[in-house]
């Protein structure tokens, strides 16, 4: 297991512990956090496999060429790191104004 897979798993575990013990969650954002953790981990762990998928439909067009695995892993890290930060900012802005 590579160090990046272990690091991503540790980060996801920390997010889950914070969400479990942290108390109030932004309403509706908990599901988004879970999905972003799952998608982020999948992209990081299986970037080459996911990038090599062609033939399906994504949005409005057909996927006709593979995506480099490094790009898929980068998007996975963005999902893993940025969405929880956005959730924290939303949480502070919502509960600070009450």
PDB file of N, CA and C in Angstrom:
ATOM      1  N   UNK A   1       0.865  -1.180   0.000  1.00  0.00           N
ATOM      2  CA  UNK A   1       0.000   0.000   0.000  1.00  0.00           C
ATOM      3  C   UNK A   1       0.903   1.232   0.000  1.00  0.00           C
ATOM      4  N   UNK A   2       0.617   2.156  -0.905  1.00  0.00           N
ATOM      5  CA  UNK A   2       1.471   3.335  -1.024  1.00  0.00           C
ATOM      6  C   UNK A   2       1.201   4.329   0.104  1.00  0.00           C
ATOM      7  N   UNK A   3       2.161   5.210   0.300  1.00  0.00           N
ATOM      8  CA  UNK A   3       2.028   6.201   1.374  1.00  0.00           C
ATOM      9  C   UNK A   3       0.871   7.161   1.116  1.00  0.00           C
ATOM     10  N   UNK A   4       0.537   7.408  -0.162  1.00  0.00           N
ATOM     11  CA  UNK A   4      -0.571   8.305  -0.466  1.00  0.00           C
ATOM     12  C   UNK A   4      -1.915   7.660  -0.138  1.00  0.00           C
ATOM     13  N   UNK A   5      -2.025   6.357  -0.332  1.00  0.00           N
ATOM     14  CA  UNK A   5      -3.250   5.655   0.039  1.00  0.00           C
ATOM     15  C   UNK A   5      -3.430   5.668   1.556  1.00  0.00           C
ATOM     16  N   UNK A   6      -2.350   5.438   2.268  1.00  0.00           N
ATOM     17  CA  UNK A   6      -2.418   5.459   3.733  1.00  0.00           C
ATOM     18  C   UNK A   6      -2.766   6.857   4.224  1.00  0.00           C
ATOM     19  N   UNK A   7      -2.129   7.885   3.658  1.00  0.00           N
ATOM     20  CA  UNK A   7      -2.410   9.257   4.054  1.00  0.00           C
ATOM     21  C   UNK A   7      -3.864   9.631   3.778  1.00  0.00           C
ATOM     22  N   UNK A   8      -4.378   9.229   2.618  1.00  0.00           N
ATOM     23  CA  UNK A   8      -5.774   9.547   2.302  1.00  0.00           C
ATOM     24  C   UNK A   8      -6.728   8.836   3.254  1.00  0.00           C
ATOM     25  N   UNK A   9      -6.413   7.615   3.629  1.00  0.00           N
ATOM     26  CA  UNK A   9      -7.247   6.871   4.570  1.00  0.00           C
ATOM     27  C   UNK A   9      -7.208   7.501   5.957  1.00  0.00           C
ATOM     28  N   UNK A  10      -6.046   7.968   6.376  1.00  0.00           N
ATOM     29  CA  UNK A  10      -5.921   8.645   7.677  1.00  0.00           C
ATOM     30  C   UNK A  10      -6.734   9.943   7.678  1.00  0.00           C
ATOM     31  N   UNK A  11      -6.627  10.717   6.606  1.00  0.00           N
ATOM     32  CA  UNK A  11      -7.382  11.969   6.515  1.00  0.00           C
ATOM     33  C   UNK A  11      -8.882  11.698   6.548  1.00  0.00           C
ATOM     34  N   UNK A  12      -9.340  10.710   5.788  1.00  0.00           N
ATOM     35  CA  UNK A  12     -10.769  10.369   5.780  1.00  0.00           C
ATOM     36  C   UNK A  12     -11.212   9.906   7.169  1.00  0.00           C
ATOM     37  N   UNK A  13     -10.381   9.121   7.844  1.00  0.00           N
ATOM     38  CA  UNK A  13     -10.706   8.675   9.201  1.00  0.00           C
ATOM     39  C   UNK A  13     -10.813   9.829  10.176  1.00  0.00           C
ATOM     40  N   UNK A  14      -9.928  10.796  10.056  1.00  0.00           N
ATOM     41  CA  UNK A  14      -9.981  11.981  10.919  1.00  0.00           C
ATOM     42  C   UNK A  14     -11.266  12.753  10.671  1.00  0.00           C
ATOM     43  N   UNK A  15     -11.650  12.911   9.399  1.00  0.00           N
ATOM     44  CA  UNK A  15     -12.904  13.599   9.084  1.00  0.00           C
ATOM     45  C   UNK A  15     -14.102  12.875   9.686  1.00  0.00           C
ATOM     46  N   UNK A  16     -14.093  11.561   9.604  1.00  0.00           N
ATOM     47  CA  UNK A  16     -15.206  10.787  10.156  1.00  0.00           C
ATOM     48  C   UNK A  16     -15.257  10.936  11.674  1.00  0.00           C
ATOM     49  N   UNK A  17     -14.110  10.891  12.333  1.00  0.00           N
ATOM     50  CA  UNK A  17     -14.082  11.073  13.792  1.00  0.00           C
ATOM     51  C   UNK A  17     -14.556  12.469  14.193  1.00  0.00           C
ATOM     52  N   UNK A  18     -14.133  13.473  13.455  1.00  0.00           N
ATOM     53  CA  UNK A  18     -14.571  14.844  13.741  1.00  0.00           C
ATOM     54  C   UNK A  18     -16.076  14.962  13.542  1.00  0.00           C
ATOM     55  N   UNK A  19     -16.592  14.371  12.473  1.00  0.00           N
ATOM     56  CA  UNK A  19     -18.032  14.439  12.222  1.00  0.00           C
ATOM     57  C   UNK A  19     -18.812  13.692  13.294  1.00  0.00           C
ATOM     58  N   UNK A  20     -18.278  12.569  13.770  1.00  0.00           N
ATOM     59  CA  UNK A  20     -18.982  11.769  14.768  1.00  0.00           C
ATOM     60  C   UNK A  20     -18.981  12.444  16.138  1.00  0.00           C
ATOM     61  N   UNK A  21     -17.827  12.956  16.538  1.00  0.00           N
ATOM     62  CA  UNK A  21     -17.713  13.539  17.873  1.00  0.00           C
ATOM     63  C   UNK A  21     -17.903  15.049  17.892  1.00  0.00           C
ATOM     64  N   UNK A  22     -17.993  15.656  16.716  1.00  0.00           N
ATOM     65  CA  UNK A  22     -18.029  17.105  16.634  1.00  0.00           C
ATOM     66  C   UNK A  22     -19.346  17.758  17.012  1.00  0.00           C
ATOM     67  N   UNK A  23     -20.396  16.994  17.091  1.00  0.00           N
ATOM     68  CA  UNK A  23     -21.668  17.595  17.473  1.00  0.00           C
ATOM     69  C   UNK A  23     -22.486  17.989  16.266  1.00  0.00           C
ATOM     70  N   UNK A  24     -22.901  19.257  16.230  1.00  0.00           N
ATOM     71  CA  UNK A  24     -23.794  19.754  15.181  1.00  0.00           C
ATOM     72  C   UNK A  24     -23.139  19.669  13.808  1.00  0.00           C
ATOM     73  N   UNK A  25     -23.923  19.248  12.842  1.00  0.00           N
ATOM     74  CA  UNK A  25     -23.458  19.223  11.455  1.00  0.00           C
ATOM     75  C   UNK A  25     -24.320  20.175  10.650  1.00  0.00           C
ATOM     76  N   UNK A  26     -23.757  20.693   9.600  1.00  0.00           N
ATOM     77  CA  UNK A  26     -24.539  21.541   8.713  1.00  0.00           C
ATOM     78  C   UNK A  26     -25.590  20.661   8.063  1.00  0.00           C
ATOM     79  N   UNK A  27     -26.836  21.065   8.187  1.00  0.00           N
ATOM     80  CA  UNK A  27     -27.931  20.244   7.696  1.00  0.00           C
ATOM     81  C   UNK A  27     -27.798  19.989   6.201  1.00  0.00           C
ATOM     82  N   UNK A  28     -27.829  18.728   5.819  1.00  0.00           N
ATOM     83  CA  UNK A  28     -27.708  18.360   4.420  1.00  0.00           C
ATOM     84  C   UNK A  28     -26.287  18.218   3.930  1.00  0.00           C
ATOM     85  N   UNK A  29     -25.318  18.693   4.689  1.00  0.00           N
ATOM     86  CA  UNK A  29     -23.937  18.626   4.214  1.00  0.00           C
ATOM     87  C   UNK A  29     -23.255  17.328   4.612  1.00  0.00           C
ATOM     88  N   UNK A  30     -23.807  16.618   5.591  1.00  0.00           N
ATOM     89  CA  UNK A  30     -23.198  15.370   6.039  1.00  0.00           C
ATOM     90  C   UNK A  30     -23.172  14.342   4.915  1.00  0.00           C
ATOM     91  N   UNK A  31     -24.258  14.242   4.167  1.00  0.00           N
ATOM     92  CA  UNK A  31     -24.289  13.322   3.032  1.00  0.00           C
ATOM     93  C   UNK A  31     -23.298  13.705   1.954  1.00  0.00           C
ATOM     94  N   UNK A  32     -23.166  14.990   1.705  1.00  0.00           N
ATOM     95  CA  UNK A  32     -22.204  15.462   0.715  1.00  0.00           C
ATOM     96  C   UNK A  32     -20.784  15.149   1.184  1.00  0.00           C
ATOM     97  N   UNK A  33     -20.538  15.302   2.478  1.00  0.00           N
ATOM     98  CA  UNK A  33     -19.226  14.982   3.022  1.00  0.00           C
ATOM     99  C   UNK A  33     -18.918  13.506   2.823  1.00  0.00           C
ATOM    100  N   UNK A  34     -19.888  12.644   3.116  1.00  0.00           N
ATOM    101  CA  UNK A  34     -19.678  11.216   2.939  1.00  0.00           C
ATOM    102  C   UNK A  34     -19.415  10.843   1.497  1.00  0.00           C
ATOM    103  N   UNK A  35     -20.185  11.422   0.589  1.00  0.00           N
ATOM    104  CA  UNK A  35     -19.991  11.138  -0.834  1.00  0.00           C
ATOM    105  C   UNK A  35     -18.640  11.661  -1.307  1.00  0.00           C
ATOM    106  N   UNK A  36     -18.246  12.845  -0.845  1.00  0.00           N
ATOM    107  CA  UNK A  36     -16.957  13.384  -1.273  1.00  0.00           C
ATOM    108  C   UNK A  36     -15.809  12.546  -0.732  1.00  0.00           C
ATOM    109  N   UNK A  37     -15.952  12.029   0.501  1.00  0.00           N
ATOM    110  CA  UNK A  37     -14.911  11.156   1.031  1.00  0.00           C
ATOM    111  C   UNK A  37     -14.810   9.869   0.215  1.00  0.00           C
ATOM    112  N   UNK A  38     -15.953   9.284  -0.090  1.00  0.00           N
ATOM    113  CA  UNK A  38     -15.959   8.045  -0.861  1.00  0.00           C
ATOM    114  C   UNK A  38     -15.395   8.263  -2.262  1.00  0.00           C
ATOM    115  N   UNK A  39     -15.874   9.280  -2.952  1.00  0.00           N
ATOM    116  CA  UNK A  39     -15.382   9.550  -4.307  1.00  0.00           C
ATOM    117  C   UNK A  39     -13.909   9.946  -4.302  1.00  0.00           C
ATOM    118  N   UNK A  40     -13.523  10.743  -3.309  1.00  0.00           N
ATOM    119  CA  UNK A  40     -12.119  11.137  -3.202  1.00  0.00           C
ATOM    120  C   UNK A  40     -11.209   9.939  -3.001  1.00  0.00           C
ATOM    121  N   UNK A  41     -11.589   9.049  -2.080  1.00  0.00           N
ATOM    122  CA  UNK A  41     -10.781   7.852  -1.840  1.00  0.00           C
ATOM    123  C   UNK A  41     -10.735   6.953  -3.068  1.00  0.00           C
ATOM    124  N   UNK A  42     -11.869   6.795  -3.752  1.00  0.00           N
ATOM    125  CA  UNK A  42     -11.884   5.971  -4.959  1.00  0.00           C
ATOM    126  C   UNK A  42     -10.965   6.544  -6.039  1.00  0.00           C
ATOM    127  N   UNK A  43     -11.012   7.866  -6.211  1.00  0.00           N
ATOM    128  CA  UNK A  43     -10.162   8.498  -7.226  1.00  0.00           C
ATOM    129  C   UNK A  43      -8.682   8.382  -6.868  1.00  0.00           C
ATOM    130  N   UNK A  44      -8.362   8.515  -5.586  1.00  0.00           N
ATOM    131  CA  UNK A  44      -6.963   8.423  -5.160  1.00  0.00           C
ATOM    132  C   UNK A  44      -6.464   6.984  -5.275  1.00  0.00           C
ATOM    133  N   UNK A  45      -7.257   6.042  -4.817  1.00  0.00           N
ATOM    134  CA  UNK A  45      -6.820   4.647  -4.779  1.00  0.00           C
ATOM    135  C   UNK A  45      -6.833   3.986  -6.150  1.00  0.00           C
ATOM    136  N   UNK A  46      -7.805   4.341  -6.999  1.00  0.00           N
ATOM    137  CA  UNK A  46      -7.961   3.674  -8.292  1.00  0.00           C
ATOM    138  C   UNK A  46      -7.921   4.677  -9.441  1.00  0.00           C
ATOM    139  N   UNK A  47      -7.007   5.633  -9.382  1.00  0.00           N
ATOM    140  CA  UNK A  47      -6.919   6.685 -10.395  1.00  0.00           C
ATOM    141  C   UNK A  47      -6.646   6.161 -11.791  1.00  0.00           C
ATOM    142  N   UNK A  48      -5.721   5.220 -11.910  1.00  0.00           N
ATOM    143  CA  UNK A  48      -5.392   4.696 -13.231  1.00  0.00           C
ATOM    144  C   UNK A  48      -6.557   3.903 -13.826  1.00  0.00           C
ATOM    145  N   UNK A  49      -7.203   3.111 -12.981  1.00  0.00           N
ATOM    146  CA  UNK A  49      -8.322   2.301 -13.467  1.00  0.00           C
ATOM    147  C   UNK A  49      -9.502   3.180 -13.875  1.00  0.00           C
ATOM    148  N   UNK A  50      -9.827   4.173 -13.049  1.00  0.00           N
ATOM    149  CA  UNK A  50     -10.940   5.067 -13.373  1.00  0.00           C
ATOM    150  C   UNK A  50     -10.629   5.941 -14.576  1.00  0.00           C
ATOM    151  N   UNK A  51      -9.388   6.369 -14.686  1.00  0.00           N
ATOM    152  CA  UNK A  51      -8.994   7.197 -15.825  1.00  0.00           C
ATOM    153  C   UNK A  51      -9.018   6.450 -17.134  1.00  0.00           C
ATOM    154  N   UNK A  52      -8.817   5.135 -17.080  1.00  0.00           N
ATOM    155  CA  UNK A  52      -8.799   4.338 -18.294  1.00  0.00           C
ATOM    156  C   UNK A  52     -10.170   3.962 -18.818  1.00  0.00           C
ATOM    157  N   UNK A  53     -11.214   4.319 -18.092  1.00  0.00           N
ATOM    158  CA  UNK A  53     -12.567   3.963 -18.533  1.00  0.00           C
ATOM    159  C   UNK A  53     -13.000   4.853 -19.700  1.00  0.00           C
ATOM    160  N   UNK A  54     -13.421   4.242 -20.770  1.00  0.00           N
ATOM    161  CA  UNK A  54     -13.959   4.976 -21.922  1.00  0.00           C
ATOM    162  C   UNK A  54     -15.253   4.293 -22.360  1.00  0.00           C
ATOM    163  N   UNK A  55     -16.056   5.009 -23.105  1.00  0.00           N
ATOM    164  CA  UNK A  55     -17.256   4.433 -23.670  1.00  0.00           C
ATOM    165  C   UNK A  55     -18.535   4.791 -22.952  1.00  0.00           C
ATOM    166  N   UNK A  56     -18.467   5.221 -21.709  1.00  0.00           N
ATOM    167  CA  UNK A  56     -19.673   5.593 -20.982  1.00  0.00           C
ATOM    168  C   UNK A  56     -20.050   7.035 -21.245  1.00  0.00           C
ATOM    169  N   UNK A  57     -21.095   7.463 -20.608  1.00  0.00           N
ATOM    170  CA  UNK A  57     -21.558   8.835 -20.759  1.00  0.00           C
ATOM    171  C   UNK A  57     -21.324   9.587 -19.455  1.00  0.00           C
ATOM    172  N   UNK A  58     -20.832  10.790 -19.561  1.00  0.00           N
ATOM    173  CA  UNK A  58     -20.618  11.653 -18.407  1.00  0.00           C
ATOM    174  C   UNK A  58     -21.183  13.018 -18.771  1.00  0.00           C
ATOM    175  N   UNK A  59     -22.276  13.378 -18.136  1.00  0.00           N
ATOM    176  CA  UNK A  59     -22.904  14.646 -18.471  1.00  0.00           C
ATOM    177  C   UNK A  59     -23.609  14.563 -19.802  1.00  0.00           C
ATOM    178  N   UNK A  60     -23.141  15.324 -20.774  1.00  0.00           N
ATOM    179  CA  UNK A  60     -23.832  15.416 -22.057  1.00  0.00           C
ATOM    180  C   UNK A  60     -23.138  14.663 -23.187  1.00  0.00           C
ATOM    181  N   UNK A  61     -21.921  14.183 -22.950  1.00  0.00           N
ATOM    182  CA  UNK A  61     -21.211  13.553 -24.052  1.00  0.00           C
ATOM    183  C   UNK A  61     -20.619  12.211 -23.687  1.00  0.00           C
ATOM    184  N   UNK A  62     -20.223  11.510 -24.705  1.00  0.00           N
ATOM    185  CA  UNK A  62     -19.619  10.191 -24.541  1.00  0.00           C
ATOM    186  C   UNK A  62     -18.133  10.358 -24.196  1.00  0.00           C
ATOM    187  N   UNK A  63     -17.635   9.498 -23.318  1.00  0.00           N
ATOM    188  CA  UNK A  63     -16.213   9.516 -22.966  1.00  0.00           C
ATOM    189  C   UNK A  63     -15.470   8.769 -24.057  1.00  0.00           C
ATOM    190  N   UNK A  64     -14.644   9.486 -24.821  1.00  0.00           N
ATOM    191  CA  UNK A  64     -13.987   8.880 -25.988  1.00  0.00           C
ATOM    192  C   UNK A  64     -12.497   8.646 -25.794  1.00  0.00           C
ATOM    193  N   UNK A  65     -11.887   9.227 -24.782  1.00  0.00           N
ATOM    194  CA  UNK A  65     -10.458   9.016 -24.572  1.00  0.00           C
ATOM    195  C   UNK A  65     -10.177   8.888 -23.071  1.00  0.00           C
ATOM    196  N   UNK A  66      -9.147   8.129 -22.718  1.00  0.00           N
ATOM    197  CA  UNK A  66      -8.828   7.955 -21.299  1.00  0.00           C
ATOM    198  C   UNK A  66      -8.279   9.239 -20.686  1.00  0.00           C
ATOM    199  N   UNK A  67      -8.474   9.357 -19.387  1.00  0.00           N
ATOM    200  CA  UNK A  67      -7.928  10.472 -18.615  1.00  0.00           C
ATOM    201  C   UNK A  67      -6.687   9.974 -17.888  1.00  0.00           C
ATOM    202  N   UNK A  68      -5.604  10.750 -17.870  1.00  0.00           N
ATOM    203  CA  UNK A  68      -4.413  10.292 -17.143  1.00  0.00           C
ATOM    204  C   UNK A  68      -4.743  10.045 -15.665  1.00  0.00           C
ATOM    205  N   UNK A  69      -4.197   8.982 -15.120  1.00  0.00           N
ATOM    206  CA  UNK A  69      -4.454   8.615 -13.732  1.00  0.00           C
ATOM    207  C   UNK A  69      -4.051   9.699 -12.744  1.00  0.00           C
ATOM    208  N   UNK A  70      -3.007  10.448 -13.071  1.00  0.00           N
ATOM    209  CA  UNK A  70      -2.557  11.504 -12.174  1.00  0.00           C
ATOM    210  C   UNK A  70      -3.610  12.604 -12.056  1.00  0.00           C
ATOM    211  N   UNK A  71      -4.342  12.866 -13.125  1.00  0.00           N
ATOM    212  CA  UNK A  71      -5.407  13.872 -13.093  1.00  0.00           C
ATOM    213  C   UNK A  71      -6.563  13.377 -12.222  1.00  0.00           C
ATOM    214  N   UNK A  72      -6.899  12.103 -12.353  1.00  0.00           N
ATOM    215  CA  UNK A  72      -7.977  11.535 -11.539  1.00  0.00           C
ATOM    216  C   UNK A  72      -7.595  11.573 -10.062  1.00  0.00           C
ATOM    217  N   UNK A  73      -6.354  11.238  -9.750  1.00  0.00           N
ATOM    218  CA  UNK A  73      -5.903  11.284  -8.348  1.00  0.00           C
ATOM    219  C   UNK A  73      -5.897  12.720  -7.816  1.00  0.00           C
ATOM    220  N   UNK A  74      -5.515  13.685  -8.646  1.00  0.00           N
ATOM    221  CA  UNK A  74      -5.526  15.091  -8.237  1.00  0.00           C
ATOM    222  C   UNK A  74      -6.947  15.536  -7.877  1.00  0.00           C
ATOM    223  N   UNK A  75      -7.916  15.168  -8.704  1.00  0.00           N
ATOM    224  CA  UNK A  75      -9.312  15.505  -8.422  1.00  0.00           C
ATOM    225  C   UNK A  75      -9.758  14.818  -7.132  1.00  0.00           C
ATOM    226  N   UNK A  76      -9.299  13.600  -6.908  1.00  0.00           N
ATOM    227  CA  UNK A  76      -9.615  12.905  -5.661  1.00  0.00           C
ATOM    228  C   UNK A  76      -9.079  13.645  -4.447  1.00  0.00           C
ATOM    229  N   UNK A  77      -7.856  14.140  -4.534  1.00  0.00           N
ATOM    230  CA  UNK A  77      -7.298  14.920  -3.417  1.00  0.00           C
ATOM    231  C   UNK A  77      -8.070  16.220  -3.213  1.00  0.00           C
ATOM    232  N   UNK A  78      -8.504  16.859  -4.307  1.00  0.00           N
ATOM    233  CA  UNK A  78      -9.320  18.068  -4.168  1.00  0.00           C
ATOM    234  C   UNK A  78     -10.617  17.758  -3.427  1.00  0.00           C
ATOM    235  N   UNK A  79     -11.272  16.665  -3.802  1.00  0.00           N
ATOM    236  CA  UNK A  79     -12.509  16.276  -3.126  1.00  0.00           C
ATOM    237  C   UNK A  79     -12.252  15.965  -1.660  1.00  0.00           C
ATOM    238  N   UNK A  80     -11.165  15.278  -1.383  1.00  0.00           N
ATOM    239  CA  UNK A  80     -10.867  14.862  -0.022  1.00  0.00           C
ATOM    240  C   UNK A  80     -10.503  16.049   0.865  1.00  0.00           C
ATOM    241  N   UNK A  81      -9.846  17.040   0.314  1.00  0.00           N
ATOM    242  CA  UNK A  81      -9.351  18.154   1.129  1.00  0.00           C
ATOM    243  C   UNK A  81     -10.279  19.362   1.106  1.00  0.00           C
ATOM    244  N   UNK A  82     -10.785  19.750  -0.060  1.00  0.00           N
ATOM    245  CA  UNK A  82     -11.511  21.015  -0.158  1.00  0.00           C
ATOM    246  C   UNK A  82     -12.953  20.957   0.340  1.00  0.00           C
ATOM    247  N   UNK A  83     -13.692  19.904   0.064  1.00  0.00           N
ATOM    248  CA  UNK A  83     -15.093  19.875   0.474  1.00  0.00           C
ATOM    249  C   UNK A  83     -15.281  19.920   1.988  1.00  0.00           C
ATOM    250  N   UNK A  84     -14.490  19.203   2.776  1.00  0.00           N
ATOM    251  CA  UNK A  84     -14.638  19.367   4.228  1.00  0.00           C
ATOM    252  C   UNK A  84     -14.279  20.778   4.711  1.00  0.00           C
ATOM    253  N   UNK A  85     -13.322  21.415   4.063  1.00  0.00           N
ATOM    254  CA  UNK A  85     -12.987  22.795   4.427  1.00  0.00           C
ATOM    255  C   UNK A  85     -14.165  23.711   4.112  1.00  0.00           C
ATOM    256  N   UNK A  86     -14.791  23.507   2.961  1.00  0.00           N
ATOM    257  CA  UNK A  86     -15.984  24.287   2.616  1.00  0.00           C
ATOM    258  C   UNK A  86     -17.090  24.028   3.629  1.00  0.00           C
ATOM    259  N   UNK A  87     -17.258  22.770   4.037  1.00  0.00           N
ATOM    260  CA  UNK A  87     -18.253  22.439   5.059  1.00  0.00           C
ATOM    261  C   UNK A  87     -17.982  23.137   6.373  1.00  0.00           C
ATOM    262  N   UNK A  88     -16.730  23.218   6.772  1.00  0.00           N
ATOM    263  CA  UNK A  88     -16.366  23.908   8.006  1.00  0.00           C
ATOM    264  C   UNK A  88     -16.692  25.398   7.904  1.00  0.00           C
ATOM    265  N   UNK A  89     -16.383  25.996   6.776  1.00  0.00           N
ATOM    266  CA  UNK A  89     -16.680  27.415   6.577  1.00  0.00           C
ATOM    267  C   UNK A  89     -18.189  27.652   6.612  1.00  0.00           C
ATOM    268  N   UNK A  90     -18.954  26.785   5.955  1.00  0.00           N
ATOM    269  CA  UNK A  90     -20.412  26.909   6.001  1.00  0.00           C
ATOM    270  C   UNK A  90     -20.937  26.756   7.419  1.00  0.00           C
ATOM    271  N   UNK A  91     -20.395  25.791   8.134  1.00  0.00           N
ATOM    272  CA  UNK A  91     -20.817  25.545   9.516  1.00  0.00           C
ATOM    273  C   UNK A  91     -20.584  26.792  10.380  1.00  0.00           C
ATOM    274  N   UNK A  92     -19.408  27.364  10.258  1.00  0.00           N
ATOM    275  CA  UNK A  92     -19.097  28.568  11.045  1.00  0.00           C
ATOM    276  C   UNK A  92     -19.971  29.739  10.648  1.00  0.00           C
ATOM    277  N   UNK A  93     -20.225  29.910   9.365  1.00  0.00           N
ATOM    278  CA  UNK A  93     -21.022  31.047   8.936  1.00  0.00           C
ATOM    279  C   UNK A  93     -22.485  30.900   9.307  1.00  0.00           C
ATOM    280  N   UNK A  94     -23.002  29.682   9.298  1.00  0.00           N
ATOM    281  CA  UNK A  94     -24.411  29.467   9.650  1.00  0.00           C
ATOM    282  C   UNK A  94     -24.629  29.611  11.143  1.00  0.00           C
ATOM    283  N   UNK A  95     -23.803  28.951  11.941  1.00  0.00           N
ATOM    284  CA  UNK A  95     -24.020  28.954  13.385  1.00  0.00           C
ATOM    285  C   UNK A  95     -23.476  30.200  14.072  1.00  0.00           C
ATOM    286  N   UNK A  96     -22.646  30.968  13.408  1.00  0.00           N
ATOM    287  CA  UNK A  96     -22.157  32.222  13.988  1.00  0.00           C
ATOM    288  C   UNK A  96     -23.249  33.294  13.927  1.00  0.00           C
ATOM    289  N   UNK A  97     -24.119  33.204  12.933  1.00  0.00           N
ATOM    290  CA  UNK A  97     -25.158  34.206  12.758  1.00  0.00           C
ATOM    291  C   UNK A  97     -26.410  33.912  13.568  1.00  0.00           C
ATOM    292  N   UNK A  98     -26.454  32.822  14.303  1.00  0.00           N
ATOM    293  CA  UNK A  98     -27.635  32.493  15.106  1.00  0.00           C
ATOM    294  C   UNK A  98     -27.531  33.056  16.476  1.00  0.00           C
TER     295      UNK A  98
END
